[in-house]
Structure formats: C-alpha cells, structure tokens
Amino acid sequence: MLQASNMGGYTLKHILKSPFSAKILPYLLLGFTLLGFLDAAYLTIQHYQHVIPPCTTGGCETVLTSSFATIAGTPIALIGAGFYVFIAILTGLYLQTKNKQIAMSLLVLCTAGLFAAVMLIYIQAAVLHAFCYYCLFSELIDFLLFDAAWWLWNTKNAELTTEE
C-alpha cells in the first residue's frame, strides 16, 4: 500500500521540486513574459488597426471578432499585455530583493492568469467552437508562467525551511 508521504519512492517534496535551478526560474519568468507580451501586443495592434492576423484555420477571425475579445471595449489582448508587463516588473523586483512576499505575489498573479487562460480556452472550445493560435499561445504562456512561479515560490519556501 502506498503512503501519502512516500509514493513508490517519490515523495511529495520530490514531485513538487523544480526541474530548474532556483537561479534560473526568475529568468524563465522574464522570458515567458517577454513572449506573452509580444504576442499580446501584436494582437492589440492588430485589433486597433482592424486587421485579423493571418490564420490557417479561420478560427482566429471567429475568436478575435467575437464579443468575448473585449471587456467594456478594451481588447483582452491589451489587458494581457498589461498583465505581462506587471509580471515582468514583479520578477525584476524579485531578482533585486529575493523577497518571499514578491515570490508569493508572483504565484498568486500567475495562478489568476492560469484561471483566466483556462476560462478563455473553454470559451473558444465550448462557446465559439473555434481556436485562435495566437490566443492559445498566450494561454500556453500563462500555464508556463504559473509553473515557473510555483517552482520559484516552492524553492523559496524550501530555502527558508532549511535555513530556520
């Protein structure tokens, strides 16, 4: 019988451990935010130019012209670009201070970003029955940001536990 603390040689601590060094994780966050910002900024520019970006399936037009593409007249892509800038700023602050509270803030915000991404994927799949590759790329970035923030926070907590 498997015990909760030791699952066939894998402890929960082992499973949750980052595959990357703690020193690399903030730079992964910055890299992912840069990619997400570029994608969101491109979609924002296209929105204000009233242009649909090239898409091989036609799903981009359906998604980007739907009522779900804006909130109170503001493109979701613009909100996403702001989100990525904010995550980049917090990550920069974390790199300067190594503050545990900033790592927690990154985790909370990236978790919110992940929930938003899941909701947007649901809308594309279940409501619009169309997928936008640019949107899916942004949603993938949100998942990767969550992973990196989770590992950063977990690593930071592990460091504090071993120091105490």
N, C-alpha and C. Protein backbone atom coordinates (compact mmCIF):
# COMPACT_ATOMS: atom_id res chain seq x y z
N MET A 1 0.84 -1.18 0.00
CA MET A 1 0.00 0.00 0.00
C MET A 1 0.89 1.24 0.00
N LEU A 2 0.52 2.22 -0.82
CA LEU A 2 1.28 3.47 -0.89
C LEU A 2 0.88 4.40 0.23
N GLN A 3 1.88 5.02 0.82
CA GLN A 3 1.61 6.00 1.86
C GLN A 3 1.54 7.38 1.21
N ALA A 4 0.82 8.28 1.84
CA ALA A 4 0.67 9.63 1.29
C ALA A 4 2.00 10.36 1.21
N SER A 5 2.89 10.12 2.16
CA SER A 5 4.15 10.84 2.17
C SER A 5 5.22 10.20 1.28
N ASN A 6 5.04 8.94 0.90
CA ASN A 6 6.04 8.28 0.09
C ASN A 6 5.35 7.40 -0.94
N MET A 7 5.26 7.86 -2.16
CA MET A 7 4.53 7.15 -3.20
C MET A 7 5.52 6.39 -4.08
N GLY A 8 5.84 5.17 -3.70
CA GLY A 8 6.71 4.35 -4.52
C GLY A 8 8.10 4.95 -4.72
N GLY A 9 8.67 5.55 -3.71
CA GLY A 9 9.99 6.15 -3.83
C GLY A 9 9.96 7.63 -4.18
N TYR A 10 8.80 8.14 -4.52
CA TYR A 10 8.66 9.56 -4.84
C TYR A 10 7.91 10.25 -3.71
N THR A 11 8.56 11.15 -3.06
CA THR A 11 7.89 11.92 -2.02
C THR A 11 7.22 13.12 -2.68
N LEU A 12 6.27 13.69 -1.97
CA LEU A 12 5.59 14.87 -2.48
C LEU A 12 6.60 15.99 -2.70
N LYS A 13 7.56 16.09 -1.81
CA LYS A 13 8.60 17.12 -1.94
C LYS A 13 9.40 16.90 -3.23
N HIS A 14 9.66 15.65 -3.58
CA HIS A 14 10.41 15.34 -4.80
C HIS A 14 9.59 15.69 -6.05
N ILE A 15 8.31 15.40 -6.01
CA ILE A 15 7.44 15.65 -7.16
C ILE A 15 7.29 17.15 -7.41
N LEU A 16 7.21 17.93 -6.34
CA LEU A 16 7.00 19.37 -6.47
C LEU A 16 8.29 20.15 -6.71
N LYS A 17 9.41 19.47 -6.68
CA LYS A 17 10.70 20.15 -6.86
C LYS A 17 10.87 20.59 -8.31
N SER A 18 11.40 21.78 -8.46
CA SER A 18 11.60 22.34 -9.79
C SER A 18 12.66 21.57 -10.57
N PRO A 19 12.44 21.38 -11.86
CA PRO A 19 13.47 20.76 -12.69
C PRO A 19 14.58 21.76 -13.03
N PHE A 20 14.40 23.02 -12.63
CA PHE A 20 15.37 24.07 -12.93
C PHE A 20 15.97 24.60 -11.64
N SER A 21 17.15 25.14 -11.74
CA SER A 21 17.82 25.78 -10.62
C SER A 21 17.01 27.01 -10.19
N ALA A 22 17.04 27.30 -8.90
CA ALA A 22 16.34 28.47 -8.38
C ALA A 22 16.86 29.76 -9.01
N LYS A 23 18.11 29.76 -9.43
CA LYS A 23 18.69 30.95 -10.05
C LYS A 23 18.13 31.20 -11.45
N ILE A 24 17.69 30.14 -12.12
CA ILE A 24 17.18 30.25 -13.49
C ILE A 24 15.70 30.64 -13.53
N LEU A 25 14.94 30.27 -12.51
CA LEU A 25 13.49 30.46 -12.53
C LEU A 25 13.04 31.91 -12.78
N PRO A 26 13.63 32.92 -12.13
CA PRO A 26 13.19 34.28 -12.45
C PRO A 26 13.46 34.66 -13.90
N TYR A 27 14.53 34.14 -14.46
CA TYR A 27 14.83 34.44 -15.87
C TYR A 27 13.87 33.71 -16.81
N LEU A 28 13.41 32.53 -16.40
CA LEU A 28 12.35 31.86 -17.16
C LEU A 28 11.07 32.70 -17.13
N LEU A 29 10.74 33.21 -15.95
CA LEU A 29 9.57 34.08 -15.85
C LEU A 29 9.71 35.28 -16.78
N LEU A 30 10.88 35.90 -16.79
CA LEU A 30 11.09 37.05 -17.67
C LEU A 30 10.98 36.66 -19.14
N GLY A 31 11.56 35.53 -19.50
CA GLY A 31 11.48 35.07 -20.89
C GLY A 31 10.05 34.79 -21.32
N PHE A 32 9.29 34.12 -20.45
CA PHE A 32 7.90 33.83 -20.77
C PHE A 32 7.08 35.11 -20.87
N THR A 33 7.34 36.07 -19.95
CA THR A 33 6.58 37.32 -20.01
C THR A 33 6.90 38.09 -21.28
N LEU A 34 8.14 38.04 -21.72
CA LEU A 34 8.50 38.72 -22.97
C LEU A 34 7.73 38.12 -24.15
N LEU A 35 7.70 36.78 -24.22
CA LEU A 35 6.96 36.12 -25.30
C LEU A 35 5.47 36.45 -25.22
N GLY A 36 4.91 36.39 -24.02
CA GLY A 36 3.50 36.71 -23.85
C GLY A 36 3.20 38.15 -24.21
N PHE A 37 4.09 39.07 -23.80
CA PHE A 37 3.88 40.48 -24.12
C PHE A 37 3.92 40.71 -25.63
N LEU A 38 4.88 40.10 -26.31
CA LEU A 38 4.98 40.27 -27.76
C LEU A 38 3.71 39.77 -28.46
N ASP A 39 3.22 38.63 -28.04
CA ASP A 39 2.00 38.06 -28.61
C ASP A 39 0.80 38.98 -28.34
N ALA A 40 0.64 39.40 -27.10
CA ALA A 40 -0.50 40.25 -26.73
C ALA A 40 -0.40 41.62 -27.39
N ALA A 41 0.81 42.18 -27.45
CA ALA A 41 0.98 43.48 -28.10
C ALA A 41 0.65 43.39 -29.58
N TYR A 42 1.07 42.32 -30.23
CA TYR A 42 0.76 42.12 -31.65
C TYR A 42 -0.76 42.06 -31.87
N LEU A 43 -1.44 41.29 -31.03
CA LEU A 43 -2.90 41.18 -31.16
C LEU A 43 -3.58 42.52 -30.87
N THR A 44 -3.04 43.27 -29.92
CA THR A 44 -3.61 44.58 -29.60
C THR A 44 -3.46 45.54 -30.78
N ILE A 45 -2.29 45.55 -31.37
CA ILE A 45 -2.06 46.41 -32.54
C ILE A 45 -2.99 46.02 -33.68
N GLN A 46 -3.11 44.72 -33.92
CA GLN A 46 -4.00 44.25 -34.98
C GLN A 46 -5.45 44.66 -34.70
N HIS A 47 -5.84 44.59 -33.42
CA HIS A 47 -7.21 44.97 -33.06
C HIS A 47 -7.48 46.43 -33.40
N TYR A 48 -6.57 47.32 -33.01
CA TYR A 48 -6.79 48.74 -33.24
C TYR A 48 -6.61 49.14 -34.71
N GLN A 49 -5.93 48.31 -35.48
CA GLN A 49 -5.82 48.55 -36.93
C GLN A 49 -6.97 47.88 -37.68
N HIS A 50 -7.85 47.20 -36.95
CA HIS A 50 -8.99 46.48 -37.53
C HIS A 50 -8.53 45.45 -38.55
N VAL A 51 -7.49 44.70 -38.19
CA VAL A 51 -6.92 43.67 -39.06
C VAL A 51 -6.95 42.34 -38.30
N ILE A 52 -7.29 41.29 -39.00
CA ILE A 52 -7.23 39.95 -38.43
C ILE A 52 -5.88 39.36 -38.82
N PRO A 53 -5.10 38.89 -37.85
CA PRO A 53 -3.79 38.33 -38.20
C PRO A 53 -3.95 37.07 -39.05
N PRO A 54 -2.93 36.73 -39.83
CA PRO A 54 -3.00 35.53 -40.67
C PRO A 54 -3.27 34.29 -39.83
N CYS A 55 -4.16 33.45 -40.33
CA CYS A 55 -4.54 32.25 -39.59
C CYS A 55 -4.90 31.16 -40.60
N THR A 56 -4.37 29.99 -40.41
CA THR A 56 -4.58 28.90 -41.38
C THR A 56 -5.93 28.23 -41.24
N THR A 57 -6.59 28.37 -40.09
CA THR A 57 -7.84 27.64 -39.89
C THR A 57 -9.08 28.53 -39.95
N GLY A 58 -8.90 29.84 -39.91
CA GLY A 58 -10.05 30.74 -39.87
C GLY A 58 -10.60 30.93 -38.48
N GLY A 59 -10.10 30.20 -37.53
CA GLY A 59 -10.59 30.32 -36.16
C GLY A 59 -10.21 31.63 -35.51
N CYS A 60 -9.11 32.20 -35.94
CA CYS A 60 -8.66 33.47 -35.35
C CYS A 60 -9.70 34.56 -35.58
N GLU A 61 -10.24 34.63 -36.78
CA GLU A 61 -11.24 35.65 -37.08
C GLU A 61 -12.47 35.48 -36.19
N THR A 62 -12.92 34.25 -36.04
CA THR A 62 -14.09 33.98 -35.20
C THR A 62 -13.84 34.42 -33.77
N VAL A 63 -12.69 34.06 -33.24
CA VAL A 63 -12.37 34.37 -31.84
C VAL A 63 -12.12 35.87 -31.65
N LEU A 64 -11.31 36.45 -32.52
CA LEU A 64 -10.89 37.84 -32.33
C LEU A 64 -11.97 38.87 -32.66
N THR A 65 -13.02 38.44 -33.35
CA THR A 65 -14.13 39.36 -33.63
C THR A 65 -15.36 39.05 -32.77
N SER A 66 -15.24 38.10 -31.88
CA SER A 66 -16.37 37.75 -31.03
C SER A 66 -16.55 38.78 -29.92
N SER A 67 -17.69 38.72 -29.27
CA SER A 67 -17.96 39.63 -28.14
C SER A 67 -17.05 39.32 -26.95
N PHE A 68 -16.42 38.15 -26.97
CA PHE A 68 -15.52 37.77 -25.88
C PHE A 68 -14.11 38.34 -26.04
N ALA A 69 -13.84 38.98 -27.16
CA ALA A 69 -12.50 39.51 -27.43
C ALA A 69 -12.23 40.83 -26.72
N THR A 70 -13.30 41.44 -26.18
CA THR A 70 -13.13 42.70 -25.47
C THR A 70 -13.92 42.66 -24.16
N ILE A 71 -13.48 43.48 -23.23
CA ILE A 71 -14.20 43.68 -21.97
C ILE A 71 -14.42 45.19 -21.86
N ALA A 72 -15.66 45.61 -21.89
CA ALA A 72 -16.01 47.03 -21.83
C ALA A 72 -15.25 47.84 -22.88
N GLY A 73 -15.14 47.27 -24.08
CA GLY A 73 -14.48 47.95 -25.18
C GLY A 73 -12.97 47.83 -25.21
N THR A 74 -12.38 47.24 -24.18
CA THR A 74 -10.93 47.07 -24.11
C THR A 74 -10.56 45.67 -24.58
N PRO A 75 -9.67 45.57 -25.56
CA PRO A 75 -9.28 44.22 -26.03
C PRO A 75 -8.64 43.40 -24.91
N ILE A 76 -9.01 42.15 -24.83
CA ILE A 76 -8.40 41.25 -23.84
C ILE A 76 -6.89 41.19 -24.06
N ALA A 77 -6.46 41.32 -25.31
CA ALA A 77 -5.02 41.30 -25.60
C ALA A 77 -4.31 42.45 -24.91
N LEU A 78 -4.93 43.61 -24.84
CA LEU A 78 -4.33 44.76 -24.15
C LEU A 78 -4.24 44.50 -22.65
N ILE A 79 -5.28 43.91 -22.09
CA ILE A 79 -5.26 43.53 -20.68
C ILE A 79 -4.14 42.52 -20.45
N GLY A 80 -4.00 41.57 -21.37
CA GLY A 80 -2.92 40.57 -21.28
C GLY A 80 -1.55 41.21 -21.35
N ALA A 81 -1.37 42.18 -22.24
CA ALA A 81 -0.08 42.86 -22.35
C ALA A 81 0.26 43.55 -21.03
N GLY A 82 -0.73 44.19 -20.43
CA GLY A 82 -0.52 44.83 -19.13
C GLY A 82 -0.17 43.81 -18.05
N PHE A 83 -0.84 42.67 -18.09
CA PHE A 83 -0.55 41.59 -17.15
C PHE A 83 0.91 41.15 -17.28
N TYR A 84 1.36 40.96 -18.50
CA TYR A 84 2.75 40.51 -18.72
C TYR A 84 3.76 41.56 -18.26
N VAL A 85 3.47 42.82 -18.49
CA VAL A 85 4.37 43.88 -18.03
C VAL A 85 4.44 43.87 -16.50
N PHE A 86 3.30 43.72 -15.85
CA PHE A 86 3.27 43.69 -14.39
C PHE A 86 4.06 42.50 -13.84
N ILE A 87 3.90 41.34 -14.45
CA ILE A 87 4.66 40.16 -14.02
C ILE A 87 6.16 40.41 -14.22
N ALA A 88 6.53 41.04 -15.32
CA ALA A 88 7.95 41.33 -15.57
C ALA A 88 8.50 42.29 -14.51
N ILE A 89 7.73 43.30 -14.15
CA ILE A 89 8.17 44.25 -13.12
C ILE A 89 8.35 43.54 -11.78
N LEU A 90 7.37 42.73 -11.40
CA LEU A 90 7.48 41.98 -10.14
C LEU A 90 8.68 41.03 -10.16
N THR A 91 8.91 40.40 -11.29
CA THR A 91 10.06 39.49 -11.40
C THR A 91 11.36 40.27 -11.27
N GLY A 92 11.43 41.44 -11.87
CA GLY A 92 12.60 42.29 -11.71
C GLY A 92 12.83 42.67 -10.26
N LEU A 93 11.75 43.02 -9.56
CA LEU A 93 11.86 43.32 -8.13
C LEU A 93 12.33 42.11 -7.34
N TYR A 94 11.80 40.94 -7.72
CA TYR A 94 12.24 39.72 -7.04
C TYR A 94 13.75 39.49 -7.25
N LEU A 95 14.21 39.69 -8.47
CA LEU A 95 15.63 39.50 -8.75
C LEU A 95 16.50 40.43 -7.91
N GLN A 96 16.01 41.62 -7.62
CA GLN A 96 16.78 42.57 -6.81
C GLN A 96 16.73 42.25 -5.33
N THR A 97 15.59 41.74 -4.85
CA THR A 97 15.40 41.60 -3.40
C THR A 97 15.38 40.16 -2.90
N LYS A 98 15.01 39.21 -3.78
CA LYS A 98 14.80 37.81 -3.38
C LYS A 98 13.76 37.70 -2.26
N ASN A 99 12.80 38.61 -2.27
CA ASN A 99 11.79 38.70 -1.23
C ASN A 99 10.74 37.60 -1.39
N LYS A 100 10.47 36.90 -0.29
CA LYS A 100 9.49 35.81 -0.30
C LYS A 100 8.08 36.31 -0.64
N GLN A 101 7.73 37.53 -0.18
CA GLN A 101 6.40 38.07 -0.45
C GLN A 101 6.21 38.35 -1.94
N ILE A 102 7.28 38.76 -2.61
CA ILE A 102 7.18 39.00 -4.06
C ILE A 102 7.00 37.67 -4.78
N ALA A 103 7.71 36.64 -4.33
CA ALA A 103 7.54 35.31 -4.92
C ALA A 103 6.10 34.84 -4.74
N MET A 104 5.51 35.11 -3.57
CA MET A 104 4.11 34.74 -3.32
C MET A 104 3.18 35.55 -4.22
N SER A 105 3.45 36.85 -4.38
CA SER A 105 2.63 37.69 -5.25
C SER A 105 2.69 37.18 -6.70
N LEU A 106 3.87 36.79 -7.14
CA LEU A 106 4.00 36.23 -8.49
C LEU A 106 3.16 34.96 -8.63
N LEU A 107 3.19 34.11 -7.61
CA LEU A 107 2.40 32.89 -7.67
C LEU A 107 0.91 33.20 -7.72
N VAL A 108 0.45 34.12 -6.90
CA VAL A 108 -0.98 34.47 -6.87
C VAL A 108 -1.41 35.05 -8.22
N LEU A 109 -0.63 35.97 -8.76
CA LEU A 109 -0.99 36.59 -10.05
C LEU A 109 -0.93 35.58 -11.19
N CYS A 110 0.09 34.73 -11.19
CA CYS A 110 0.19 33.74 -12.26
C CYS A 110 -0.89 32.68 -12.14
N THR A 111 -1.35 32.41 -10.92
CA THR A 111 -2.49 31.50 -10.73
C THR A 111 -3.75 32.14 -11.31
N ALA A 112 -3.94 33.42 -11.06
CA ALA A 112 -5.09 34.13 -11.64
C ALA A 112 -5.00 34.12 -13.17
N GLY A 113 -3.78 34.31 -13.70
CA GLY A 113 -3.58 34.26 -15.15
C GLY A 113 -3.91 32.88 -15.71
N LEU A 114 -3.55 31.84 -14.97
CA LEU A 114 -3.86 30.48 -15.41
C LEU A 114 -5.37 30.25 -15.43
N PHE A 115 -6.07 30.72 -14.41
CA PHE A 115 -7.54 30.56 -14.39
C PHE A 115 -8.18 31.32 -15.55
N ALA A 116 -7.68 32.52 -15.82
CA ALA A 116 -8.20 33.28 -16.96
C ALA A 116 -7.94 32.53 -18.26
N ALA A 117 -6.76 31.94 -18.40
CA ALA A 117 -6.41 31.19 -19.60
C ALA A 117 -7.34 29.99 -19.78
N VAL A 118 -7.60 29.27 -18.70
CA VAL A 118 -8.50 28.11 -18.78
C VAL A 118 -9.90 28.56 -19.19
N MET A 119 -10.35 29.67 -18.63
CA MET A 119 -11.68 30.18 -18.99
C MET A 119 -11.72 30.57 -20.47
N LEU A 120 -10.66 31.19 -20.97
CA LEU A 120 -10.63 31.60 -22.38
C LEU A 120 -10.55 30.39 -23.31
N ILE A 121 -9.85 29.36 -22.90
CA ILE A 121 -9.82 28.12 -23.70
C ILE A 121 -11.21 27.50 -23.73
N TYR A 122 -11.88 27.50 -22.59
CA TYR A 122 -13.25 26.97 -22.53
C TYR A 122 -14.17 27.73 -23.48
N ILE A 123 -14.07 29.06 -23.47
CA ILE A 123 -14.92 29.88 -24.35
C ILE A 123 -14.64 29.54 -25.81
N GLN A 124 -13.36 29.39 -26.16
CA GLN A 124 -13.03 29.04 -27.55
C GLN A 124 -13.60 27.68 -27.93
N ALA A 125 -13.47 26.71 -27.01
CA ALA A 125 -13.89 25.35 -27.33
C ALA A 125 -15.40 25.16 -27.25
N ALA A 126 -16.01 25.60 -26.16
CA ALA A 126 -17.41 25.27 -25.92
C ALA A 126 -18.40 26.30 -26.44
N VAL A 127 -17.99 27.55 -26.52
CA VAL A 127 -18.93 28.59 -26.93
C VAL A 127 -18.72 28.97 -28.40
N LEU A 128 -17.48 29.29 -28.75
CA LEU A 128 -17.20 29.75 -30.11
C LEU A 128 -16.94 28.62 -31.10
N HIS A 129 -16.55 27.46 -30.60
CA HIS A 129 -16.20 26.31 -31.46
C HIS A 129 -15.14 26.69 -32.49
N ALA A 130 -14.18 27.51 -32.04
CA ALA A 130 -13.09 27.97 -32.91
C ALA A 130 -11.89 28.30 -32.02
N PHE A 131 -10.72 28.12 -32.57
CA PHE A 131 -9.50 28.39 -31.81
C PHE A 131 -8.63 29.40 -32.55
N CYS A 132 -8.07 30.31 -31.78
CA CYS A 132 -7.12 31.28 -32.29
C CYS A 132 -5.73 30.85 -31.83
N TYR A 133 -4.83 30.62 -32.77
CA TYR A 133 -3.50 30.15 -32.41
C TYR A 133 -2.74 31.17 -31.59
N TYR A 134 -2.94 32.44 -31.84
CA TYR A 134 -2.28 33.49 -31.07
C TYR A 134 -2.77 33.48 -29.63
N CYS A 135 -4.07 33.27 -29.48
CA CYS A 135 -4.66 33.20 -28.14
C CYS A 135 -4.18 31.97 -27.41
N LEU A 136 -4.15 30.84 -28.09
CA LEU A 136 -3.68 29.61 -27.46
C LEU A 136 -2.22 29.72 -27.05
N PHE A 137 -1.42 30.43 -27.84
CA PHE A 137 -0.02 30.65 -27.47
C PHE A 137 0.06 31.45 -26.17
N SER A 138 -0.75 32.48 -26.06
CA SER A 138 -0.78 33.28 -24.84
C SER A 138 -1.24 32.43 -23.65
N GLU A 139 -2.20 31.58 -23.87
CA GLU A 139 -2.70 30.72 -22.80
C GLU A 139 -1.65 29.68 -22.38
N LEU A 140 -0.87 29.21 -23.34
CA LEU A 140 0.26 28.33 -23.01
C LEU A 140 1.28 29.08 -22.17
N ILE A 141 1.56 30.31 -22.54
CA ILE A 141 2.49 31.15 -21.77
C ILE A 141 1.98 31.31 -20.34
N ASP A 142 0.68 31.51 -20.18
CA ASP A 142 0.12 31.64 -18.82
C ASP A 142 0.34 30.37 -18.01
N PHE A 143 0.19 29.22 -18.64
CA PHE A 143 0.46 27.95 -17.96
C PHE A 143 1.93 27.86 -17.55
N LEU A 144 2.83 28.23 -18.45
CA LEU A 144 4.26 28.17 -18.16
C LEU A 144 4.65 29.18 -17.07
N LEU A 145 4.02 30.35 -17.08
CA LEU A 145 4.26 31.33 -16.02
C LEU A 145 3.83 30.78 -14.67
N PHE A 146 2.67 30.12 -14.65
CA PHE A 146 2.22 29.51 -13.40
C PHE A 146 3.23 28.49 -12.91
N ASP A 147 3.70 27.62 -13.81
CA ASP A 147 4.68 26.61 -13.42
C ASP A 147 5.93 27.25 -12.84
N ALA A 148 6.47 28.23 -13.53
CA ALA A 148 7.71 28.87 -13.07
C ALA A 148 7.49 29.59 -11.74
N ALA A 149 6.34 30.26 -11.58
CA ALA A 149 6.05 30.95 -10.32
C ALA A 149 5.85 29.94 -9.19
N TRP A 150 5.21 28.83 -9.50
CA TRP A 150 5.01 27.77 -8.49
C TRP A 150 6.36 27.24 -8.02
N TRP A 151 7.22 26.91 -8.97
CA TRP A 151 8.54 26.38 -8.60
C TRP A 151 9.37 27.42 -7.85
N LEU A 152 9.28 28.68 -8.27
CA LEU A 152 10.03 29.74 -7.59
C LEU A 152 9.56 29.86 -6.14
N TRP A 153 8.26 29.91 -5.95
CA TRP A 153 7.72 30.02 -4.60
C TRP A 153 8.07 28.79 -3.77
N ASN A 154 7.94 27.61 -4.34
CA ASN A 154 8.28 26.37 -3.65
C ASN A 154 9.75 26.34 -3.27
N THR A 155 10.61 26.75 -4.20
CA THR A 155 12.05 26.77 -3.95
C THR A 155 12.37 27.78 -2.86
N LYS A 156 11.74 28.94 -2.90
CA LYS A 156 11.97 29.98 -1.89
C LYS A 156 11.54 29.47 -0.53
N ASN A 157 10.40 28.79 -0.43
CA ASN A 157 9.94 28.24 0.84
C ASN A 157 10.87 27.15 1.33
N ALA A 158 11.39 26.32 0.43
CA ALA A 158 12.31 25.25 0.82
C ALA A 158 13.60 25.86 1.39
N GLU A 159 14.06 26.96 0.78
CA GLU A 159 15.27 27.63 1.28
C GLU A 159 15.03 28.16 2.68
N LEU A 160 13.88 28.74 2.92
CA LEU A 160 13.58 29.29 4.24
C LEU A 160 13.44 28.19 5.28
N THR A 161 12.86 27.06 4.89
CA THR A 161 12.69 25.95 5.81
C THR A 161 14.05 25.37 6.22
N THR A 162 14.98 25.25 5.28
CA THR A 162 16.28 24.68 5.60
C THR A 162 17.14 25.66 6.38
N GLU A 163 16.88 26.98 6.23
CA GLU A 163 17.67 27.98 6.95
C GLU A 163 17.22 28.12 8.40
N GLU A 164 15.95 27.83 8.66
CA GLU A 164 15.39 28.04 10.02
C GLU A 164 15.87 27.01 11.00
